[in-house]
């Protein structure tokens, strides 16, 4: 019986019209200090010189798959997951650069921590000194994922078996936040981590999917955040949670009522989380307090444009709300409102 040796890692890189950056991306993978990998490059029917450039490399680890029709990024990812042979899957994009020791350090980390099913790394924005400093520990990542995606997709390496065992893959409906959606599911199946070292250079440019489709990305991200909070309370009011004060141009009394409902919702989530222990108590409380602080500060910023009559009505109906803002700050709101009205000629 023939005993085939599978690679330790599958490097999965979907590409589409990356001719300006693909050379650096490919070479950063081929020049890794860790050598035991297969390199799946799935081209989504590129119309530029991307495929020509990839074909110029003579390396047996490269497996170029050319799709005859453009079917999308998530489709390419899921096809790659299906055919990947590695124990670990390392993600890579066609416009980024992996540092030479990235794979070596991630493999060593995952081998040493079998309870960790996925690890990302810190990364630096190409052309700047900006380093995206994401949380490192599982508990911190778990709470941070409620507010945003704190694991950079092209930096991750994860266990293939965790997806197979749980029949998980990227959800095309959640594109272009398909990675955020997947991490928010995996975080309840095992531990996630970020290595506290820059191991990837990340490129930003106007053609990026996240920039072009930012409106849908924001919508999908909100859905992910709501789902993560339903882990605490499946019946919590998503409509109240989704109230966006920054988008309001309404009378003050209505706004105060909505904010108060949102704050009450936050308080109830803290109580339930303490009982059910879904998220680390201290870290979750800190997250909630930051959300409240944001609401209070935004209210103070916007309130000067509201009528004094509604402010005083709010003081009578919702005194607890203004107590939380503070007596001094409430006084400042009233004074600023007076001057705003005088200046506006009201």
C-alpha atoms as a PDB file:
ATOM      1  CA  UNK A   1       0.000   0.000   0.000  1.00  0.00           C
ATOM      2  CA  UNK A   2       1.410   3.349  -1.075  1.00  0.00           C
ATOM      3  CA  UNK A   3       1.804   5.792   1.802  1.00  0.00           C
ATOM      4  CA  UNK A   4       1.420   9.317   0.417  1.00  0.00           C
ATOM      5  CA  UNK A   5       2.893  12.141   2.473  1.00  0.00           C
ATOM      6  CA  UNK A   6       0.649  15.138   2.737  1.00  0.00           C
ATOM      7  CA  UNK A   7       2.127  18.596   3.303  1.00  0.00           C
ATOM      8  CA  UNK A   8       1.955  20.103   6.776  1.00  0.00           C
ATOM      9  CA  UNK A   9       0.445  23.338   5.411  1.00  0.00           C
ATOM     10  CA  UNK A  10      -1.767  24.340   2.521  1.00  0.00           C
ATOM     11  CA  UNK A  11      -1.283  27.952   1.489  1.00  0.00           C
ATOM     12  CA  UNK A  12      -4.585  29.140   0.029  1.00  0.00           C
ATOM     13  CA  UNK A  13      -4.452  32.246  -2.159  1.00  0.00           C
ATOM     14  CA  UNK A  14      -7.389  33.315  -4.362  1.00  0.00           C
ATOM     15  CA  UNK A  15      -6.406  35.892  -6.966  1.00  0.00           C
ATOM     16  CA  UNK A  16      -8.121  38.166  -9.471  1.00  0.00           C
ATOM     17  CA  UNK A  17      -6.376  40.797 -11.579  1.00  0.00           C
ATOM     18  CA  UNK A  18      -3.388  41.164  -9.246  1.00  0.00           C
ATOM     19  CA  UNK A  19      -0.694  41.803 -11.865  1.00  0.00           C
ATOM     20  CA  UNK A  20       0.684  44.843 -10.028  1.00  0.00           C
ATOM     21  CA  UNK A  21       1.333  42.966  -6.786  1.00  0.00           C
ATOM     22  CA  UNK A  22       1.272  39.207  -7.466  1.00  0.00           C
ATOM     23  CA  UNK A  23       5.039  38.852  -7.941  1.00  0.00           C
ATOM     24  CA  UNK A  24       5.823  40.106  -4.431  1.00  0.00           C
ATOM     25  CA  UNK A  25       3.049  37.990  -2.927  1.00  0.00           C
ATOM     26  CA  UNK A  26       4.129  34.749  -4.602  1.00  0.00           C
ATOM     27  CA  UNK A  27       7.813  35.237  -3.825  1.00  0.00           C
ATOM     28  CA  UNK A  28       7.069  36.007  -0.180  1.00  0.00           C
ATOM     29  CA  UNK A  29       5.446  32.574   0.075  1.00  0.00           C
ATOM     30  CA  UNK A  30       8.105  30.687  -1.869  1.00  0.00           C
ATOM     31  CA  UNK A  31      10.856  32.279   0.254  1.00  0.00           C
ATOM     32  CA  UNK A  32       9.426  31.110   3.585  1.00  0.00           C
ATOM     33  CA  UNK A  33      11.855  29.461   5.980  1.00  0.00           C
ATOM     34  CA  UNK A  34       9.225  26.757   6.494  1.00  0.00           C
ATOM     35  CA  UNK A  35       9.176  24.623   3.332  1.00  0.00           C
ATOM     36  CA  UNK A  36       6.622  21.839   3.869  1.00  0.00           C
ATOM     37  CA  UNK A  37       3.605  23.317   2.102  1.00  0.00           C
ATOM     38  CA  UNK A  38       1.512  23.145  -1.037  1.00  0.00           C
ATOM     39  CA  UNK A  39       0.622  26.477  -2.630  1.00  0.00           C
ATOM     40  CA  UNK A  40      -2.913  26.579  -4.014  1.00  0.00           C
ATOM     41  CA  UNK A  41      -3.443  29.632  -6.202  1.00  0.00           C
ATOM     42  CA  UNK A  42      -7.001  29.878  -7.482  1.00  0.00           C
ATOM     43  CA  UNK A  43      -7.445  32.392 -10.264  1.00  0.00           C
ATOM     44  CA  UNK A  44     -10.968  33.770 -10.662  1.00  0.00           C
ATOM     45  CA  UNK A  45     -10.827  34.290 -14.455  1.00  0.00           C
ATOM     46  CA  UNK A  46      -8.380  37.201 -14.371  1.00  0.00           C
ATOM     47  CA  UNK A  47      -8.280  39.424 -17.455  1.00  0.00           C
ATOM     48  CA  UNK A  48      -4.819  40.906 -16.876  1.00  0.00           C
ATOM     49  CA  UNK A  49      -1.330  39.316 -16.686  1.00  0.00           C
ATOM     50  CA  UNK A  50      -1.833  37.667 -13.284  1.00  0.00           C
ATOM     51  CA  UNK A  51      -1.836  34.086 -14.619  1.00  0.00           C
ATOM     52  CA  UNK A  52       1.093  34.751 -16.944  1.00  0.00           C
ATOM     53  CA  UNK A  53       3.199  35.986 -14.034  1.00  0.00           C
ATOM     54  CA  UNK A  54       2.264  32.992 -11.828  1.00  0.00           C
ATOM     55  CA  UNK A  55       3.182  30.560 -14.630  1.00  0.00           C
ATOM     56  CA  UNK A  56       6.662  32.070 -14.823  1.00  0.00           C
ATOM     57  CA  UNK A  57       7.568  30.374 -11.510  1.00  0.00           C
ATOM     58  CA  UNK A  58       8.985  26.856 -11.664  1.00  0.00           C
ATOM     59  CA  UNK A  59       8.163  25.488  -8.224  1.00  0.00           C
ATOM     60  CA  UNK A  60       6.477  22.115  -7.741  1.00  0.00           C
ATOM     61  CA  UNK A  61       4.624  23.395  -4.667  1.00  0.00           C
ATOM     62  CA  UNK A  62       2.556  25.777  -6.793  1.00  0.00           C
ATOM     63  CA  UNK A  63      -0.792  24.423  -7.956  1.00  0.00           C
ATOM     64  CA  UNK A  64      -2.473  26.961 -10.203  1.00  0.00           C
ATOM     65  CA  UNK A  65      -6.192  26.453 -10.733  1.00  0.00           C
ATOM     66  CA  UNK A  66      -7.795  28.635 -13.397  1.00  0.00           C
ATOM     67  CA  UNK A  67     -11.550  29.083 -13.131  1.00  0.00           C
ATOM     68  CA  UNK A  68     -13.139  29.505 -16.569  1.00  0.00           C
ATOM     69  CA  UNK A  69     -15.779  31.876 -15.191  1.00  0.00           C
ATOM     70  CA  UNK A  70     -15.540  34.504 -12.473  1.00  0.00           C
ATOM     71  CA  UNK A  71     -17.594  33.107  -9.562  1.00  0.00           C
ATOM     72  CA  UNK A  72     -16.266  35.234  -6.726  1.00  0.00           C
ATOM     73  CA  UNK A  73     -13.748  35.330  -3.916  1.00  0.00           C
ATOM     74  CA  UNK A  74     -15.694  33.198  -1.419  1.00  0.00           C
ATOM     75  CA  UNK A  75     -16.308  30.520  -4.022  1.00  0.00           C
ATOM     76  CA  UNK A  76     -12.544  30.323  -4.592  1.00  0.00           C
ATOM     77  CA  UNK A  77     -11.872  30.088  -0.857  1.00  0.00           C
ATOM     78  CA  UNK A  78     -14.349  27.247  -0.352  1.00  0.00           C
ATOM     79  CA  UNK A  79     -13.037  25.316  -3.348  1.00  0.00           C
ATOM     80  CA  UNK A  80      -9.544  25.650  -1.919  1.00  0.00           C
ATOM     81  CA  UNK A  81     -10.715  24.378   1.482  1.00  0.00           C
ATOM     82  CA  UNK A  82     -12.269  21.366  -0.223  1.00  0.00           C
ATOM     83  CA  UNK A  83      -9.120  20.251  -2.038  1.00  0.00           C
ATOM     84  CA  UNK A  84      -6.526  21.333   0.544  1.00  0.00           C
ATOM     85  CA  UNK A  85      -4.322  18.486   1.811  1.00  0.00           C
ATOM     86  CA  UNK A  86      -2.508  20.243   4.636  1.00  0.00           C
ATOM     87  CA  UNK A  87      -3.085  19.791   8.354  1.00  0.00           C
ATOM     88  CA  UNK A  88      -3.048  23.568   8.625  1.00  0.00           C
ATOM     89  CA  UNK A  89      -4.365  26.107   6.144  1.00  0.00           C
ATOM     90  CA  UNK A  90      -2.524  29.400   5.786  1.00  0.00           C
ATOM     91  CA  UNK A  91      -4.364  32.231   4.094  1.00  0.00           C
ATOM     92  CA  UNK A  92      -2.678  34.652   1.780  1.00  0.00           C
ATOM     93  CA  UNK A  93      -3.895  37.343  -0.618  1.00  0.00           C
ATOM     94  CA  UNK A  94      -2.388  38.283  -3.944  1.00  0.00           C
ATOM     95  CA  UNK A  95      -1.544  41.838  -2.926  1.00  0.00           C
ATOM     96  CA  UNK A  96       0.120  41.268   0.469  1.00  0.00           C
ATOM     97  CA  UNK A  97       3.597  40.173   1.574  1.00  0.00           C
ATOM     98  CA  UNK A  98       4.329  37.458   4.143  1.00  0.00           C
ATOM     99  CA  UNK A  99       7.526  37.886   6.126  1.00  0.00           C
ATOM    100  CA  UNK A 100      10.001  34.975   5.705  1.00  0.00           C
ATOM    101  CA  UNK A 101       9.423  33.368   9.150  1.00  0.00           C
ATOM    102  CA  UNK A 102       5.630  33.726   9.177  1.00  0.00           C
ATOM    103  CA  UNK A 103       4.740  30.081   8.478  1.00  0.00           C
ATOM    104  CA  UNK A 104       7.522  28.701  10.666  1.00  0.00           C
ATOM    105  CA  UNK A 105       6.325  30.706  13.659  1.00  0.00           C
ATOM    106  CA  UNK A 106       2.645  29.953  13.124  1.00  0.00           C
ATOM    107  CA  UNK A 107       3.218  26.206  12.731  1.00  0.00           C
ATOM    108  CA  UNK A 108       5.359  26.148  15.869  1.00  0.00           C
ATOM    109  CA  UNK A 109       2.666  28.073  17.768  1.00  0.00           C
ATOM    110  CA  UNK A 110      -0.191  25.796  16.671  1.00  0.00           C
ATOM    111  CA  UNK A 111       1.858  22.630  17.332  1.00  0.00           C
ATOM    112  CA  UNK A 112       2.679  23.879  20.829  1.00  0.00           C
ATOM    113  CA  UNK A 113      -0.928  24.938  21.573  1.00  0.00           C
ATOM    114  CA  UNK A 114      -3.282  22.211  20.276  1.00  0.00           C
ATOM    115  CA  UNK A 115      -6.225  23.934  21.961  1.00  0.00           C
ATOM    116  CA  UNK A 116      -5.737  26.891  19.597  1.00  0.00           C
ATOM    117  CA  UNK A 117      -7.611  26.212  16.361  1.00  0.00           C
ATOM    118  CA  UNK A 118      -6.659  29.446  14.581  1.00  0.00           C
ATOM    119  CA  UNK A 119      -3.915  32.017  14.956  1.00  0.00           C
ATOM    120  CA  UNK A 120      -3.401  35.303  13.202  1.00  0.00           C
ATOM    121  CA  UNK A 121      -0.541  37.768  13.506  1.00  0.00           C
ATOM    122  CA  UNK A 122      -0.014  41.484  13.749  1.00  0.00           C
ATOM    123  CA  UNK A 123       0.549  43.261  10.452  1.00  0.00           C
ATOM    124  CA  UNK A 124       1.943  46.502   9.099  1.00  0.00           C
ATOM    125  CA  UNK A 125       0.345  48.673   6.418  1.00  0.00           C
ATOM    126  CA  UNK A 126       2.642  48.831   3.391  1.00  0.00           C
ATOM    127  CA  UNK A 127       4.134  52.274   2.866  1.00  0.00           C
ATOM    128  CA  UNK A 128       3.478  53.384   6.453  1.00  0.00           C
ATOM    129  CA  UNK A 129       4.731  52.760   9.970  1.00  0.00           C
ATOM    130  CA  UNK A 130       1.220  51.794  11.103  1.00  0.00           C
ATOM    131  CA  UNK A 131       1.046  48.431  12.895  1.00  0.00           C
ATOM    132  CA  UNK A 132      -2.387  46.973  13.566  1.00  0.00           C
ATOM    133  CA  UNK A 133      -2.074  45.912  17.179  1.00  0.00           C
ATOM    134  CA  UNK A 134      -4.797  43.306  17.682  1.00  0.00           C
ATOM    135  CA  UNK A 135      -5.532  41.477  20.970  1.00  0.00           C
ATOM    136  CA  UNK A 136      -3.504  38.307  21.497  1.00  0.00           C
ATOM    137  CA  UNK A 137      -5.432  36.090  23.931  1.00  0.00           C
ATOM    138  CA  UNK A 138      -8.566  34.079  23.225  1.00  0.00           C
ATOM    139  CA  UNK A 139     -10.758  35.799  25.817  1.00  0.00           C
ATOM    140  CA  UNK A 140      -9.761  39.256  24.619  1.00  0.00           C
ATOM    141  CA  UNK A 141     -10.317  38.331  20.967  1.00  0.00           C
ATOM    142  CA  UNK A 142     -13.695  36.791  21.792  1.00  0.00           C
ATOM    143  CA  UNK A 143     -14.978  40.027  23.323  1.00  0.00           C
ATOM    144  CA  UNK A 144     -13.336  42.267  20.731  1.00  0.00           C
ATOM    145  CA  UNK A 145     -15.037  40.319  17.938  1.00  0.00           C
ATOM    146  CA  UNK A 146     -18.352  41.704  19.179  1.00  0.00           C
ATOM    147  CA  UNK A 147     -17.311  45.138  17.987  1.00  0.00           C
ATOM    148  CA  UNK A 148     -15.151  44.394  14.916  1.00  0.00           C
ATOM    149  CA  UNK A 149     -12.956  41.846  13.154  1.00  0.00           C
ATOM    150  CA  UNK A 150      -9.762  41.677  15.207  1.00  0.00           C
ATOM    151  CA  UNK A 151      -8.158  38.845  13.243  1.00  0.00           C
ATOM    152  CA  UNK A 152      -6.707  39.858   9.872  1.00  0.00           C
ATOM    153  CA  UNK A 153      -7.762  37.378   7.194  1.00  0.00           C
ATOM    154  CA  UNK A 154      -4.500  37.181   5.194  1.00  0.00           C
ATOM    155  CA  UNK A 155      -2.506  36.549   8.397  1.00  0.00           C
ATOM    156  CA  UNK A 156      -4.359  33.458   9.636  1.00  0.00           C
ATOM    157  CA  UNK A 157      -3.328  29.834   9.861  1.00  0.00           C
ATOM    158  CA  UNK A 158      -5.926  27.368  11.153  1.00  0.00           C
ATOM    159  CA  UNK A 159      -6.638  23.693  11.654  1.00  0.00           C
ATOM    160  CA  UNK A 160      -8.395  22.198   8.651  1.00  0.00           C
ATOM    161  CA  UNK A 161     -10.063  19.522  10.763  1.00  0.00           C
ATOM    162  CA  UNK A 162     -12.051  22.074  12.777  1.00  0.00           C
ATOM    163  CA  UNK A 163     -13.903  23.101   9.628  1.00  0.00           C
ATOM    164  CA  UNK A 164     -14.421  19.523   8.474  1.00  0.00           C
ATOM    165  CA  UNK A 165     -15.636  18.297  11.863  1.00  0.00           C
ATOM    166  CA  UNK A 166     -18.147  21.135  12.174  1.00  0.00           C
ATOM    167  CA  UNK A 167     -19.041  21.275   8.477  1.00  0.00           C
ATOM    168  CA  UNK A 168     -18.058  24.907   8.249  1.00  0.00           C
ATOM    169  CA  UNK A 169     -16.918  27.008   5.329  1.00  0.00           C
ATOM    170  CA  UNK A 170     -16.998  30.621   4.253  1.00  0.00           C
ATOM    171  CA  UNK A 171     -20.526  31.964   3.716  1.00  0.00           C
ATOM    172  CA  UNK A 172     -20.818  33.758   0.362  1.00  0.00           C
ATOM    173  CA  UNK A 173     -23.874  35.650   1.615  1.00  0.00           C
ATOM    174  CA  UNK A 174     -21.649  37.330   4.217  1.00  0.00           C
ATOM    175  CA  UNK A 175     -19.073  38.562   1.680  1.00  0.00           C
ATOM    176  CA  UNK A 176     -17.146  40.900   1.923  1.00  0.00           C
ATOM    177  CA  UNK A 177     -17.066  40.176   5.685  1.00  0.00           C
ATOM    178  CA  UNK A 178     -16.983  36.410   5.186  1.00  0.00           C
ATOM    179  CA  UNK A 179     -13.862  36.100   7.328  1.00  0.00           C
ATOM    180  CA  UNK A 180     -15.379  38.035  10.248  1.00  0.00           C
ATOM    181  CA  UNK A 181     -18.444  35.803  10.045  1.00  0.00           C
ATOM    182  CA  UNK A 182     -16.354  32.618  10.126  1.00  0.00           C
ATOM    183  CA  UNK A 183     -14.170  33.768  13.043  1.00  0.00           C
ATOM    184  CA  UNK A 184     -17.310  34.643  15.035  1.00  0.00           C
ATOM    185  CA  UNK A 185     -18.387  31.016  14.701  1.00  0.00           C
ATOM    186  CA  UNK A 186     -15.001  29.428  15.306  1.00  0.00           C
ATOM    187  CA  UNK A 187     -14.468  31.425  18.513  1.00  0.00           C
ATOM    188  CA  UNK A 188     -17.105  29.244  20.213  1.00  0.00           C
ATOM    189  CA  UNK A 189     -15.532  25.980  18.988  1.00  0.00           C
ATOM    190  CA  UNK A 190     -11.978  26.417  20.227  1.00  0.00           C
ATOM    191  CA  UNK A 191      -9.402  29.028  21.144  1.00  0.00           C
ATOM    192  CA  UNK A 192      -8.257  31.766  18.778  1.00  0.00           C
ATOM    193  CA  UNK A 193      -5.016  33.699  19.157  1.00  0.00           C
ATOM    194  CA  UNK A 194      -2.883  36.362  17.519  1.00  0.00           C
ATOM    195  CA  UNK A 195       0.899  36.113  17.564  1.00  0.00           C
ATOM    196  CA  UNK A 196       2.204  39.410  18.922  1.00  0.00           C
ATOM    197  CA  UNK A 197       4.597  40.061  16.080  1.00  0.00           C
ATOM    198  CA  UNK A 198       4.304  41.631  12.636  1.00  0.00           C
ATOM    199  CA  UNK A 199       4.503  38.724  10.196  1.00  0.00           C
ATOM    200  CA  UNK A 200       2.684  40.232   7.212  1.00  0.00           C
ATOM    201  CA  UNK A 201       2.785  43.473   5.266  1.00  0.00           C
ATOM    202  CA  UNK A 202      -0.765  44.467   4.318  1.00  0.00           C
ATOM    203  CA  UNK A 203      -1.512  46.521   1.230  1.00  0.00           C
ATOM    204  CA  UNK A 204      -4.328  49.043   0.926  1.00  0.00           C
ATOM    205  CA  UNK A 205      -5.432  50.390  -2.456  1.00  0.00           C
ATOM    206  CA  UNK A 206      -8.641  51.728  -4.067  1.00  0.00           C
ATOM    207  CA  UNK A 207      -9.409  48.458  -5.841  1.00  0.00           C
ATOM    208  CA  UNK A 208      -9.734  46.460  -2.622  1.00  0.00           C
ATOM    209  CA  UNK A 209     -13.041  44.662  -2.110  1.00  0.00           C
ATOM    210  CA  UNK A 210     -13.388  46.025   1.427  1.00  0.00           C
ATOM    211  CA  UNK A 211     -13.201  49.595   0.089  1.00  0.00           C
ATOM    212  CA  UNK A 212     -15.436  49.100  -2.941  1.00  0.00           C
ATOM    213  CA  UNK A 213     -18.130  47.257  -0.978  1.00  0.00           C
ATOM    214  CA  UNK A 214     -17.876  49.033   2.351  1.00  0.00           C
ATOM    215  CA  UNK A 215     -21.643  49.600   2.687  1.00  0.00           C
ATOM    216  CA  UNK A 216     -22.439  45.898   2.527  1.00  0.00           C
ATOM    217  CA  UNK A 217     -19.460  45.076   4.723  1.00  0.00           C
ATOM    218  CA  UNK A 218     -20.856  47.356   7.428  1.00  0.00           C
ATOM    219  CA  UNK A 219     -24.292  45.735   7.153  1.00  0.00           C
ATOM    220  CA  UNK A 220     -22.888  42.207   7.393  1.00  0.00           C
ATOM    221  CA  UNK A 221     -20.621  43.191  10.288  1.00  0.00           C
ATOM    222  CA  UNK A 222     -23.640  44.472  12.200  1.00  0.00           C
ATOM    223  CA  UNK A 223     -25.378  41.115  11.656  1.00  0.00           C
ATOM    224  CA  UNK A 224     -22.327  39.316  13.044  1.00  0.00           C
ATOM    225  CA  UNK A 225     -22.246  41.540  16.138  1.00  0.00           C
ATOM    226  CA  UNK A 226     -25.941  40.924  16.785  1.00  0.00           C
ATOM    227  CA  UNK A 227     -25.455  37.163  16.471  1.00  0.00           C
ATOM    228  CA  UNK A 228     -22.581  37.233  18.946  1.00  0.00           C
ATOM    229  CA  UNK A 229     -24.743  39.045  21.491  1.00  0.00           C
ATOM    230  CA  UNK A 230     -27.588  36.568  21.013  1.00  0.00           C
ATOM    231  CA  UNK A 231     -25.196  34.006  22.451  1.00  0.00           C
ATOM    232  CA  UNK A 232     -25.882  35.753  25.765  1.00  0.00           C
ATOM    233  CA  UNK A 233     -29.597  36.345  25.219  1.00  0.00           C
ATOM    234  CA  UNK A 234     -31.276  34.738  22.174  1.00  0.00           C
ATOM    235  CA  UNK A 235     -34.285  37.036  22.709  1.00  0.00           C
ATOM    236  CA  UNK A 236     -32.476  40.349  23.075  1.00  0.00           C
ATOM    237  CA  UNK A 237     -33.904  43.297  21.116  1.00  0.00           C
ATOM    238  CA  UNK A 238     -31.760  43.693  18.011  1.00  0.00           C
ATOM    239  CA  UNK A 239     -33.722  46.753  16.901  1.00  0.00           C
ATOM    240  CA  UNK A 240     -32.893  48.626  20.108  1.00  0.00           C
ATOM    241  CA  UNK A 241     -29.248  47.561  19.836  1.00  0.00           C
ATOM    242  CA  UNK A 242     -29.074  48.772  16.212  1.00  0.00           C
ATOM    243  CA  UNK A 243     -30.275  52.296  17.033  1.00  0.00           C
ATOM    244  CA  UNK A 244     -27.600  54.584  15.583  1.00  0.00           C
ATOM    245  CA  UNK A 245     -27.492  57.970  17.274  1.00  0.00           C
ATOM    246  CA  UNK A 246     -24.944  59.300  14.785  1.00  0.00           C
ATOM    247  CA  UNK A 247     -27.530  58.987  12.002  1.00  0.00           C
ATOM    248  CA  UNK A 248     -30.363  60.714  13.894  1.00  0.00           C
ATOM    249  CA  UNK A 249     -31.769  64.176  13.297  1.00  0.00           C
ATOM    250  CA  UNK A 250     -34.747  63.877  15.609  1.00  0.00           C
ATOM    251  CA  UNK A 251     -36.241  65.710  18.582  1.00  0.00           C
ATOM    252  CA  UNK A 252     -34.323  65.393  21.833  1.00  0.00           C
ATOM    253  CA  UNK A 253     -36.992  63.575  23.840  1.00  0.00           C
ATOM    254  CA  UNK A 254     -37.233  60.780  21.270  1.00  0.00           C
ATOM    255  CA  UNK A 255     -33.458  60.421  21.121  1.00  0.00           C
ATOM    256  CA  UNK A 256     -33.132  60.229  24.905  1.00  0.00           C
ATOM    257  CA  UNK A 257     -35.799  57.541  25.076  1.00  0.00           C
ATOM    258  CA  UNK A 258     -33.993  55.478  22.437  1.00  0.00           C
ATOM    259  CA  UNK A 259     -30.611  55.895  24.104  1.00  0.00           C
ATOM    260  CA  UNK A 260     -32.051  54.967  27.490  1.00  0.00           C
ATOM    261  CA  UNK A 261     -33.541  51.779  25.994  1.00  0.00           C
ATOM    262  CA  UNK A 262     -30.150  50.893  24.519  1.00  0.00           C
ATOM    263  CA  UNK A 263     -28.384  51.497  27.827  1.00  0.00           C
ATOM    264  CA  UNK A 264     -30.962  49.349  29.636  1.00  0.00           C
ATOM    265  CA  UNK A 265     -30.306  46.624  27.063  1.00  0.00           C
ATOM    266  CA  UNK A 266     -26.553  46.844  27.706  1.00  0.00           C
ATOM    267  CA  UNK A 267     -27.137  46.542  31.450  1.00  0.00           C
ATOM    268  CA  UNK A 268     -29.302  43.450  31.000  1.00  0.00           C
ATOM    269  CA  UNK A 269     -26.637  41.813  28.812  1.00  0.00           C
ATOM    270  CA  UNK A 270     -24.027  42.351  31.536  1.00  0.00           C
ATOM    271  CA  UNK A 271     -26.263  40.661  34.128  1.00  0.00           C
ATOM    272  CA  UNK A 272     -27.052  37.706  31.853  1.00  0.00           C
ATOM    273  CA  UNK A 273     -23.415  37.289  30.797  1.00  0.00           C
ATOM    274  CA  UNK A 274     -22.362  37.132  34.447  1.00  0.00           C
ATOM    275  CA  UNK A 275     -24.896  34.350  34.934  1.00  0.00           C
ATOM    276  CA  UNK A 276     -24.161  32.376  31.766  1.00  0.00           C
ATOM    277  CA  UNK A 277     -20.404  33.070  31.476  1.00  0.00           C
ATOM    278  CA  UNK A 278     -20.371  33.377  27.692  1.00  0.00           C
ATOM    279  CA  UNK A 279     -17.688  36.070  27.700  1.00  0.00           C
ATOM    280  CA  UNK A 280     -15.063  37.009  30.266  1.00  0.00           C
ATOM    281  CA  UNK A 281     -16.933  39.138  32.844  1.00  0.00           C
ATOM    282  CA  UNK A 282     -14.391  41.957  33.213  1.00  0.00           C
ATOM    283  CA  UNK A 283     -13.626  42.209  29.513  1.00  0.00           C
ATOM    284  CA  UNK A 284     -17.306  42.190  28.554  1.00  0.00           C
ATOM    285  CA  UNK A 285     -18.132  44.833  31.170  1.00  0.00           C
ATOM    286  CA  UNK A 286     -15.328  46.983  29.795  1.00  0.00           C
ATOM    287  CA  UNK A 287     -16.769  46.594  26.284  1.00  0.00           C
ATOM    288  CA  UNK A 288     -20.229  47.627  27.502  1.00  0.00           C
ATOM    289  CA  UNK A 289     -18.838  50.621  29.391  1.00  0.00           C
ATOM    290  CA  UNK A 290     -17.030  51.769  26.247  1.00  0.00           C
ATOM    291  CA  UNK A 291     -20.278  51.493  24.277  1.00  0.00           C
ATOM    292  CA  UNK A 292     -22.105  53.569  26.900  1.00  0.00           C
ATOM    293  CA  UNK A 293     -19.342  56.184  26.942  1.00  0.00           C
ATOM    294  CA  UNK A 294     -19.582  56.467  23.164  1.00  0.00           C
ATOM    295  CA  UNK A 295     -23.347  57.061  23.421  1.00  0.00           C
ATOM    296  CA  UNK A 296     -23.015  59.692  26.125  1.00  0.00           C
ATOM    297  CA  UNK A 297     -20.259  61.564  24.290  1.00  0.00           C
ATOM    298  CA  UNK A 298     -22.113  61.455  20.977  1.00  0.00           C
ATOM    299  CA  UNK A 299     -25.288  62.694  22.662  1.00  0.00           C
ATOM    300  CA  UNK A 300     -23.427  65.613  24.219  1.00  0.00           C
ATOM    301  CA  UNK A 301     -21.973  66.472  20.818  1.00  0.00           C
ATOM    302  CA  UNK A 302     -25.319  66.380  19.024  1.00  0.00           C
ATOM    303  CA  UNK A 303     -27.624  67.710  21.735  1.00  0.00           C
ATOM    304  CA  UNK A 304     -26.806  71.377  21.145  1.00  0.00           C
ATOM    305  CA  UNK A 305     -28.866  71.218  17.950  1.00  0.00           C
ATOM    306  CA  UNK A 306     -32.013  70.079  19.777  1.00  0.00           C
ATOM    307  CA  UNK A 307     -34.664  72.315  21.308  1.00  0.00           C
ATOM    308  CA  UNK A 308     -34.320  73.473  24.914  1.00  0.00           C
ATOM    309  CA  UNK A 309     -37.915  72.451  25.516  1.00  0.00           C
ATOM    310  CA  UNK A 310     -37.135  68.845  24.674  1.00  0.00           C
ATOM    311  CA  UNK A 311     -33.982  68.884  26.804  1.00  0.00           C
ATOM    312  CA  UNK A 312     -35.964  70.017  29.871  1.00  0.00           C
ATOM    313  CA  UNK A 313     -38.718  67.493  29.075  1.00  0.00           C
ATOM    314  CA  UNK A 314     -36.026  64.828  28.937  1.00  0.00           C
ATOM    315  CA  UNK A 315     -34.687  65.964  32.283  1.00  0.00           C
ATOM    316  CA  UNK A 316     -38.134  65.417  33.814  1.00  0.00           C
ATOM    317  CA  UNK A 317     -38.875  62.078  32.125  1.00  0.00           C
ATOM    318  CA  UNK A 318     -35.409  60.478  32.149  1.00  0.00           C
ATOM    319  CA  UNK A 319     -33.452  61.980  35.070  1.00  0.00           C
ATOM    320  CA  UNK A 320     -31.331  58.815  35.417  1.00  0.00           C
ATOM    321  CA  UNK A 321     -29.979  59.330  31.925  1.00  0.00           C
ATOM    322  CA  UNK A 322     -28.708  62.816  32.752  1.00  0.00           C
ATOM    323  CA  UNK A 323     -27.319  61.604  36.085  1.00  0.00           C
ATOM    324  CA  UNK A 324     -25.135  59.190  34.142  1.00  0.00           C
ATOM    325  CA  UNK A 325     -23.980  62.006  31.861  1.00  0.00           C
ATOM    326  CA  UNK A 326     -23.237  64.158  34.925  1.00  0.00           C
ATOM    327  CA  UNK A 327     -24.629  67.344  36.443  1.00  0.00           C
ATOM    328  CA  UNK A 328     -21.783  69.514  35.160  1.00  0.00           C
ATOM    329  CA  UNK A 329     -21.989  68.040  31.661  1.00  0.00           C
ATOM    330  CA  UNK A 330     -25.790  68.455  31.596  1.00  0.00           C
ATOM    331  CA  UNK A 331     -25.354  72.119  32.501  1.00  0.00           C
ATOM    332  CA  UNK A 332     -22.879  72.510  29.661  1.00  0.00           C
ATOM    333  CA  UNK A 333     -25.388  70.949  27.271  1.00  0.00           C
ATOM    334  CA  UNK A 334     -28.035  73.488  28.281  1.00  0.00           C
ATOM    335  CA  UNK A 335     -25.639  76.442  27.974  1.00  0.00           C
ATOM    336  CA  UNK A 336     -24.357  75.302  24.572  1.00  0.00           C
ATOM    337  CA  UNK A 337     -27.933  74.788  23.375  1.00  0.00           C
ATOM    338  CA  UNK A 338     -28.848  78.344  24.390  1.00  0.00           C
ATOM    339  CA  UNK A 339     -25.909  79.798  22.463  1.00  0.00           C
ATOM    340  CA  UNK A 340     -26.601  77.533  19.488  1.00  0.00           C
ATOM    341  CA  UNK A 341     -30.218  78.756  19.347  1.00  0.00           C
ATOM    342  CA  UNK A 342     -29.167  82.394  19.690  1.00  0.00           C
ATOM    343  CA  UNK A 343     -26.557  82.054  16.959  1.00  0.00           C
ATOM    344  CA  UNK A 344     -29.027  80.273  14.680  1.00  0.00           C
ATOM    345  CA  UNK A 345     -31.620  82.973  15.264  1.00  0.00           C
ATOM    346  CA  UNK A 346     -34.202  80.685  16.902  1.00  0.00           C
END
